Amino acid sequence: YGHGTHVAGTIGAVANNGQGMAGINWRTQLLSCKFLDASGSGNVSDAILCFNQILTLKQQGFNIRVTNNSWGGDSYSQALKDAMTAVEAVGIVNVCAAGNNGVNADIAPMYPGGYDNRGMISVLASDSNDLGAYFTNYGVANVDIAAPGVSTLSTVPTGTCPLCDPSGYRVASGTSMATPHVTAVLAAMFHLNPALSAAEAR
């Protein structure tokens, strides 16, 4: 689809190479766990498998400290909440998009951003005036922080997917674009202070 590539570029695109744009955290390593199809749709059961796999890799010694979740839906799943809680318990922060419906997420939450996990951060999108974007979900209880999410330039595939562009770059807007800004800062925080728990980093 191209969405994940755009998110990944905001987190970790190489800098100082005279190309495109710079990611926030230039030396981070990225792991992709794909459960959405070419149209951007998928099943919660497969998202759970992704978190289970992340937990397994962490237990095997891989230095995974943060997940970026630029996806969501309106159905509550206790099994997904539990799977995310399990990775938070081993020191991984789950950063989640608040959603693009322009609604109060305290009343109409999007998940996983709407879970009350102590190792999770829900992100709304701000614009160039540092105000909430017209499309962003918001909420005192269910949304934690704002980050830039309007007209964000980042990397995309060069093929024929919905977000693809021959240049390898394009602009996109959404809480999906805001979320990786927070993810990348967390990766830098963990680099400086590896002893932080997920709740402490949050």
C-alpha atoms as a PDB file:
ATOM      1  CA  TYR A   1       0.000   0.000   0.000  1.00  0.00           C
ATOM      2  CA  GLY A   2       2.881   2.368   0.779  1.00  0.00           C
ATOM      3  CA  HIS A   3       1.561   3.534   4.142  1.00  0.00           C
ATOM      4  CA  GLY A   4       4.115   1.591   6.179  1.00  0.00           C
ATOM      5  CA  THR A   5       7.006   2.882   4.078  1.00  0.00           C
ATOM      6  CA  HIS A   6       5.848   6.466   4.706  1.00  0.00           C
ATOM      7  CA  VAL A   7       5.703   5.823   8.448  1.00  0.00           C
ATOM      8  CA  ALA A   8       9.121   4.126   8.425  1.00  0.00           C
ATOM      9  CA  GLY A   9      10.739   7.081   6.659  1.00  0.00           C
ATOM     10  CA  THR A  10       9.581   9.513   9.335  1.00  0.00           C
ATOM     11  CA  ILE A  11      11.168   7.290  11.965  1.00  0.00           C
ATOM     12  CA  GLY A  12      14.459   6.434  10.355  1.00  0.00           C
ATOM     13  CA  ALA A  13      15.167   7.717   6.842  1.00  0.00           C
ATOM     14  CA  VAL A  14      18.902   8.302   6.302  1.00  0.00           C
ATOM     15  CA  ALA A  15      20.059  11.920   6.597  1.00  0.00           C
ATOM     16  CA  ASN A  16      22.880  13.999   5.115  1.00  0.00           C
ATOM     17  CA  ASN A  17      22.689  12.194   1.767  1.00  0.00           C
ATOM     18  CA  GLY A  18      21.144  14.984  -0.309  1.00  0.00           C
ATOM     19  CA  GLN A  19      18.007  12.926  -0.979  1.00  0.00           C
ATOM     20  CA  GLY A  20      14.383  13.487  -0.078  1.00  0.00           C
ATOM     21  CA  MET A  21      13.973  14.034   3.636  1.00  0.00           C
ATOM     22  CA  ALA A  22      15.579  13.045   6.921  1.00  0.00           C
ATOM     23  CA  GLY A  23      13.994  10.755   9.448  1.00  0.00           C
ATOM     24  CA  ILE A  24      14.015  11.771  13.099  1.00  0.00           C
ATOM     25  CA  ASN A  25      16.241   8.919  14.297  1.00  0.00           C
ATOM     26  CA  TRP A  26      18.886   8.338  11.639  1.00  0.00           C
ATOM     27  CA  ARG A  27      20.562   5.266  13.124  1.00  0.00           C
ATOM     28  CA  THR A  28      17.662   3.223  14.415  1.00  0.00           C
ATOM     29  CA  GLN A  29      16.901  -0.236  13.089  1.00  0.00           C
ATOM     30  CA  LEU A  30      13.383  -1.018  11.905  1.00  0.00           C
ATOM     31  CA  LEU A  31      11.471  -4.295  12.047  1.00  0.00           C
ATOM     32  CA  SER A  32       8.325  -4.705   9.956  1.00  0.00           C
ATOM     33  CA  CYS A  33       5.503  -6.962  11.117  1.00  0.00           C
ATOM     34  CA  LYS A  34       3.009  -7.014   8.259  1.00  0.00           C
ATOM     35  CA  PHE A  35      -0.602  -7.938   8.937  1.00  0.00           C
ATOM     36  CA  LEU A  36      -2.416  -5.490   6.636  1.00  0.00           C
ATOM     37  CA  ASP A  37      -3.016  -6.320   2.976  1.00  0.00           C
ATOM     38  CA  ALA A  38      -2.442  -4.294  -0.182  1.00  0.00           C
ATOM     39  CA  SER A  39      -5.660  -2.341   0.402  1.00  0.00           C
ATOM     40  CA  GLY A  40      -4.729  -1.458   3.986  1.00  0.00           C
ATOM     41  CA  SER A  41      -7.126  -3.909   5.640  1.00  0.00           C
ATOM     42  CA  GLY A  42      -6.455  -6.750   8.040  1.00  0.00           C
ATOM     43  CA  ASN A  43      -7.605  -8.788  11.008  1.00  0.00           C
ATOM     44  CA  VAL A  44      -7.124  -8.132  14.718  1.00  0.00           C
ATOM     45  CA  SER A  45      -6.169 -11.788  15.107  1.00  0.00           C
ATOM     46  CA  ASP A  46      -3.158 -11.179  12.859  1.00  0.00           C
ATOM     47  CA  ALA A  47      -2.212  -8.040  14.796  1.00  0.00           C
ATOM     48  CA  ILE A  48      -2.160 -10.215  17.923  1.00  0.00           C
ATOM     49  CA  LEU A  49       0.188 -12.632  16.155  1.00  0.00           C
ATOM     50  CA  CYS A  50       2.484  -9.685  15.404  1.00  0.00           C
ATOM     51  CA  PHE A  51       2.665  -8.673  19.060  1.00  0.00           C
ATOM     52  CA  ASN A  52       3.246 -12.299  20.056  1.00  0.00           C
ATOM     53  CA  GLN A  53       6.128 -12.444  17.573  1.00  0.00           C
ATOM     54  CA  ILE A  54       7.582  -9.188  18.913  1.00  0.00           C
ATOM     55  CA  LEU A  55       7.430 -10.622  22.430  1.00  0.00           C
ATOM     56  CA  THR A  56       9.216 -13.784  21.290  1.00  0.00           C
ATOM     57  CA  LEU A  57      11.964 -11.805  19.548  1.00  0.00           C
ATOM     58  CA  LYS A  58      12.428  -9.628  22.626  1.00  0.00           C
ATOM     59  CA  GLN A  59      12.730 -12.727  24.817  1.00  0.00           C
ATOM     60  CA  GLN A  60      15.339 -14.077  22.371  1.00  0.00           C
ATOM     61  CA  GLY A  61      17.478 -10.995  23.001  1.00  0.00           C
ATOM     62  CA  PHE A  62      16.560  -8.606  20.192  1.00  0.00           C
ATOM     63  CA  ASN A  63      16.677  -4.990  21.391  1.00  0.00           C
ATOM     64  CA  ILE A  64      13.086  -4.028  20.572  1.00  0.00           C
ATOM     65  CA  ARG A  65      11.931  -1.031  22.635  1.00  0.00           C
ATOM     66  CA  VAL A  66       9.043   0.600  20.777  1.00  0.00           C
ATOM     67  CA  THR A  67       6.299  -0.344  18.311  1.00  0.00           C
ATOM     68  CA  ASN A  68       4.623   2.098  15.923  1.00  0.00           C
ATOM     69  CA  ASN A  69       0.925   1.429  15.385  1.00  0.00           C
ATOM     70  CA  SER A  70      -0.372   3.689  12.618  1.00  0.00           C
ATOM     71  CA  TRP A  71      -3.543   1.632  12.254  1.00  0.00           C
ATOM     72  CA  GLY A  72      -6.738   0.977  14.132  1.00  0.00           C
ATOM     73  CA  GLY A  73     -10.429   0.242  14.229  1.00  0.00           C
ATOM     74  CA  ASP A  74     -13.460   0.834  16.409  1.00  0.00           C
ATOM     75  CA  SER A  75     -13.789  -2.681  17.864  1.00  0.00           C
ATOM     76  CA  TYR A  76     -12.514  -3.400  21.365  1.00  0.00           C
ATOM     77  CA  SER A  77     -10.496  -6.616  21.655  1.00  0.00           C
ATOM     78  CA  GLN A  78      -9.414  -7.880  25.072  1.00  0.00           C
ATOM     79  CA  ALA A  79      -7.049 -10.333  23.366  1.00  0.00           C
ATOM     80  CA  LEU A  80      -5.278  -7.500  21.516  1.00  0.00           C
ATOM     81  CA  LYS A  81      -5.089  -5.427  24.702  1.00  0.00           C
ATOM     82  CA  ASP A  82      -3.560  -8.397  26.523  1.00  0.00           C
ATOM     83  CA  ALA A  83      -1.013  -9.033  23.749  1.00  0.00           C
ATOM     84  CA  MET A  84       0.070  -5.388  23.843  1.00  0.00           C
ATOM     85  CA  THR A  85       0.245  -5.432  27.646  1.00  0.00           C
ATOM     86  CA  ALA A  86       2.582  -8.437  27.421  1.00  0.00           C
ATOM     87  CA  VAL A  87       5.119  -6.592  25.255  1.00  0.00           C
ATOM     88  CA  GLU A  88       4.876  -3.519  27.477  1.00  0.00           C
ATOM     89  CA  ALA A  89       5.753  -5.724  30.464  1.00  0.00           C
ATOM     90  CA  VAL A  90       9.146  -6.528  28.888  1.00  0.00           C
ATOM     91  CA  GLY A  91       9.987  -2.849  28.297  1.00  0.00           C
ATOM     92  CA  ILE A  92       8.415  -2.041  24.937  1.00  0.00           C
ATOM     93  CA  VAL A  93       6.288   1.098  24.457  1.00  0.00           C
ATOM     94  CA  ASN A  94       3.355   0.857  22.038  1.00  0.00           C
ATOM     95  CA  VAL A  95       2.763   4.161  20.218  1.00  0.00           C
ATOM     96  CA  CYS A  96      -0.677   4.334  18.576  1.00  0.00           C
ATOM     97  CA  ALA A  97      -2.539   6.660  16.222  1.00  0.00           C
ATOM     98  CA  ALA A  98      -5.577   8.338  17.801  1.00  0.00           C
ATOM     99  CA  GLY A  99      -7.568   8.156  14.545  1.00  0.00           C
ATOM    100  CA  ASN A 100      -8.758  10.499  11.799  1.00  0.00           C
ATOM    101  CA  ASN A 101     -12.495  10.780  12.443  1.00  0.00           C
ATOM    102  CA  GLY A 102     -12.444  14.238  14.061  1.00  0.00           C
ATOM    103  CA  VAL A 103     -14.213  12.942  17.164  1.00  0.00           C
ATOM    104  CA  ASN A 104     -13.690  12.889  20.916  1.00  0.00           C
ATOM    105  CA  ALA A 105     -11.895   9.593  21.493  1.00  0.00           C
ATOM    106  CA  ASP A 106     -13.075   9.554  25.107  1.00  0.00           C
ATOM    107  CA  ILE A 107     -16.582   9.008  23.695  1.00  0.00           C
ATOM    108  CA  ALA A 108     -15.778   7.141  20.469  1.00  0.00           C
ATOM    109  CA  PRO A 109     -12.323   5.566  20.886  1.00  0.00           C
ATOM    110  CA  MET A 110     -10.302   3.920  18.153  1.00  0.00           C
ATOM    111  CA  TYR A 111      -8.290   0.868  19.126  1.00  0.00           C
ATOM    112  CA  PRO A 112      -5.561   0.112  19.964  1.00  0.00           C
ATOM    113  CA  GLY A 113      -5.059   3.806  20.794  1.00  0.00           C
ATOM    114  CA  GLY A 114      -8.059   3.774  23.124  1.00  0.00           C
ATOM    115  CA  TYR A 115      -6.720   1.130  25.529  1.00  0.00           C
ATOM    116  CA  ASP A 116      -5.698   2.335  28.998  1.00  0.00           C
ATOM    117  CA  ASN A 117      -2.391   0.427  29.039  1.00  0.00           C
ATOM    118  CA  ARG A 118       0.364   2.068  31.080  1.00  0.00           C
ATOM    119  CA  GLY A 119       2.953   1.406  28.390  1.00  0.00           C
ATOM    120  CA  MET A 120       0.973   2.885  25.521  1.00  0.00           C
ATOM    121  CA  ILE A 121       0.873   6.385  24.009  1.00  0.00           C
ATOM    122  CA  SER A 122      -1.991   7.654  21.831  1.00  0.00           C
ATOM    123  CA  VAL A 123      -1.031  10.409  19.361  1.00  0.00           C
ATOM    124  CA  LEU A 124      -3.159  13.103  17.732  1.00  0.00           C
ATOM    125  CA  ALA A 125      -2.057  15.050  14.655  1.00  0.00           C
ATOM    126  CA  SER A 126      -1.076  18.721  14.868  1.00  0.00           C
ATOM    127  CA  ASP A 127      -0.752  21.192  11.995  1.00  0.00           C
ATOM    128  CA  SER A 128       1.842  23.860  11.160  1.00  0.00           C
ATOM    129  CA  ASN A 129       0.218  26.207  13.709  1.00  0.00           C
ATOM    130  CA  ASP A 130       0.691  23.580  16.445  1.00  0.00           C
ATOM    131  CA  LEU A 131      -3.071  23.105  16.647  1.00  0.00           C
ATOM    132  CA  GLY A 132      -5.013  19.873  16.339  1.00  0.00           C
ATOM    133  CA  ALA A 133      -5.632  19.032  12.696  1.00  0.00           C
ATOM    134  CA  TYR A 134      -9.269  19.272  11.570  1.00  0.00           C
ATOM    135  CA  PHE A 135      -9.436  15.497  11.079  1.00  0.00           C
ATOM    136  CA  THR A 136      -7.721  14.296  14.239  1.00  0.00           C
ATOM    137  CA  ASN A 137      -9.390  12.487  17.099  1.00  0.00           C
ATOM    138  CA  TYR A 138      -8.759  14.065  20.489  1.00  0.00           C
ATOM    139  CA  GLY A 139      -9.606  13.421  24.116  1.00  0.00           C
ATOM    140  CA  VAL A 140      -8.479  14.231  27.640  1.00  0.00           C
ATOM    141  CA  ALA A 141      -8.413  10.602  28.791  1.00  0.00           C
ATOM    142  CA  ASN A 142      -7.732   8.599  25.626  1.00  0.00           C
ATOM    143  CA  VAL A 143      -5.209  10.793  23.776  1.00  0.00           C
ATOM    144  CA  ASP A 144      -1.814  11.605  25.278  1.00  0.00           C
ATOM    145  CA  ILE A 145       0.268  13.830  23.020  1.00  0.00           C
ATOM    146  CA  ALA A 146       0.254  15.728  19.724  1.00  0.00           C
ATOM    147  CA  ALA A 147       2.828  15.463  16.940  1.00  0.00           C
ATOM    148  CA  PRO A 148       3.083  16.835  13.371  1.00  0.00           C
ATOM    149  CA  GLY A 149       0.693  15.033  11.045  1.00  0.00           C
ATOM    150  CA  VAL A 150      -0.322  17.414   8.258  1.00  0.00           C
ATOM    151  CA  SER A 151       1.451  17.465   4.876  1.00  0.00           C
ATOM    152  CA  THR A 152       4.280  15.265   6.117  1.00  0.00           C
ATOM    153  CA  LEU A 153       6.904  14.455   3.492  1.00  0.00           C
ATOM    154  CA  SER A 154       8.319  10.940   3.720  1.00  0.00           C
ATOM    155  CA  THR A 155       9.467   7.887   1.817  1.00  0.00           C
ATOM    156  CA  VAL A 156       7.159   5.734  -0.335  1.00  0.00           C
ATOM    157  CA  PRO A 157       7.706   2.828  -2.748  1.00  0.00           C
ATOM    158  CA  THR A 158       8.266   3.675  -6.408  1.00  0.00           C
ATOM    159  CA  GLY A 159       5.936   1.003  -7.825  1.00  0.00           C
ATOM    160  CA  THR A 160       2.185   1.110  -8.484  1.00  0.00           C
ATOM    161  CA  CYS A 161       0.670   1.033  -4.975  1.00  0.00           C
ATOM    162  CA  PRO A 162      -1.909   3.613  -3.763  1.00  0.00           C
ATOM    163  CA  LEU A 163       0.740   5.763  -2.019  1.00  0.00           C
ATOM    164  CA  CYS A 164       3.564   5.001  -4.460  1.00  0.00           C
ATOM    165  CA  ASP A 165       5.392   7.775  -6.307  1.00  0.00           C
ATOM    166  CA  PRO A 166       8.156   7.549  -8.947  1.00  0.00           C
ATOM    167  CA  SER A 167      10.276   9.959  -6.885  1.00  0.00           C
ATOM    168  CA  GLY A 168      10.184   7.697  -3.827  1.00  0.00           C
ATOM    169  CA  TYR A 169       8.695  10.514  -1.730  1.00  0.00           C
ATOM    170  CA  ARG A 170       5.297  12.057  -1.180  1.00  0.00           C
ATOM    171  CA  VAL A 171       3.270  14.135   1.263  1.00  0.00           C
ATOM    172  CA  ALA A 172       0.589  12.547   3.443  1.00  0.00           C
ATOM    173  CA  SER A 173      -1.567  13.627   6.390  1.00  0.00           C
ATOM    174  CA  GLY A 174      -3.064  11.736   9.304  1.00  0.00           C
ATOM    175  CA  THR A 175      -2.513  10.565  12.851  1.00  0.00           C
ATOM    176  CA  SER A 176      -0.573   7.782  11.124  1.00  0.00           C
ATOM    177  CA  MET A 177       1.995  10.429  10.186  1.00  0.00           C
ATOM    178  CA  ALA A 178       2.037  11.937  13.698  1.00  0.00           C
ATOM    179  CA  THR A 179       2.607   8.619  15.461  1.00  0.00           C
ATOM    180  CA  PRO A 180       6.088   7.848  14.038  1.00  0.00           C
ATOM    181  CA  HIS A 181       7.369  11.232  15.219  1.00  0.00           C
ATOM    182  CA  VAL A 182       6.719  10.063  18.778  1.00  0.00           C
ATOM    183  CA  THR A 183       8.053   6.562  18.082  1.00  0.00           C
ATOM    184  CA  ALA A 184      11.360   7.957  16.821  1.00  0.00           C
ATOM    185  CA  VAL A 185      11.825  10.213  19.849  1.00  0.00           C
ATOM    186  CA  LEU A 186      11.180   7.228  22.129  1.00  0.00           C
ATOM    187  CA  ALA A 187      13.851   5.225  20.292  1.00  0.00           C
ATOM    188  CA  ALA A 188      16.309   8.044  21.023  1.00  0.00           C
ATOM    189  CA  MET A 189      15.205   8.147  24.677  1.00  0.00           C
ATOM    190  CA  PHE A 190      15.836   4.422  25.058  1.00  0.00           C
ATOM    191  CA  HIS A 191      19.252   4.815  23.432  1.00  0.00           C
ATOM    192  CA  LEU A 192      20.162   7.426  26.058  1.00  0.00           C
ATOM    193  CA  ASN A 193      18.540   5.545  28.941  1.00  0.00           C
ATOM    194  CA  PRO A 194      18.115   1.816  28.214  1.00  0.00           C
ATOM    195  CA  ALA A 195      16.986   1.127  31.790  1.00  0.00           C
ATOM    196  CA  LEU A 196      13.643   2.887  31.347  1.00  0.00           C
ATOM    197  CA  SER A 197      10.543   0.717  31.702  1.00  0.00           C
ATOM    198  CA  ALA A 198       7.745   1.156  29.197  1.00  0.00           C
ATOM    199  CA  ALA A 199       5.663   3.069  31.764  1.00  0.00           C
ATOM    200  CA  GLU A 200       8.600   5.306  32.710  1.00  0.00           C
ATOM    201  CA  ALA A 201       9.313   6.134  29.062  1.00  0.00           C
ATOM    202  CA  ARG A 202       5.652   6.900  28.502  1.00  0.00           C
END
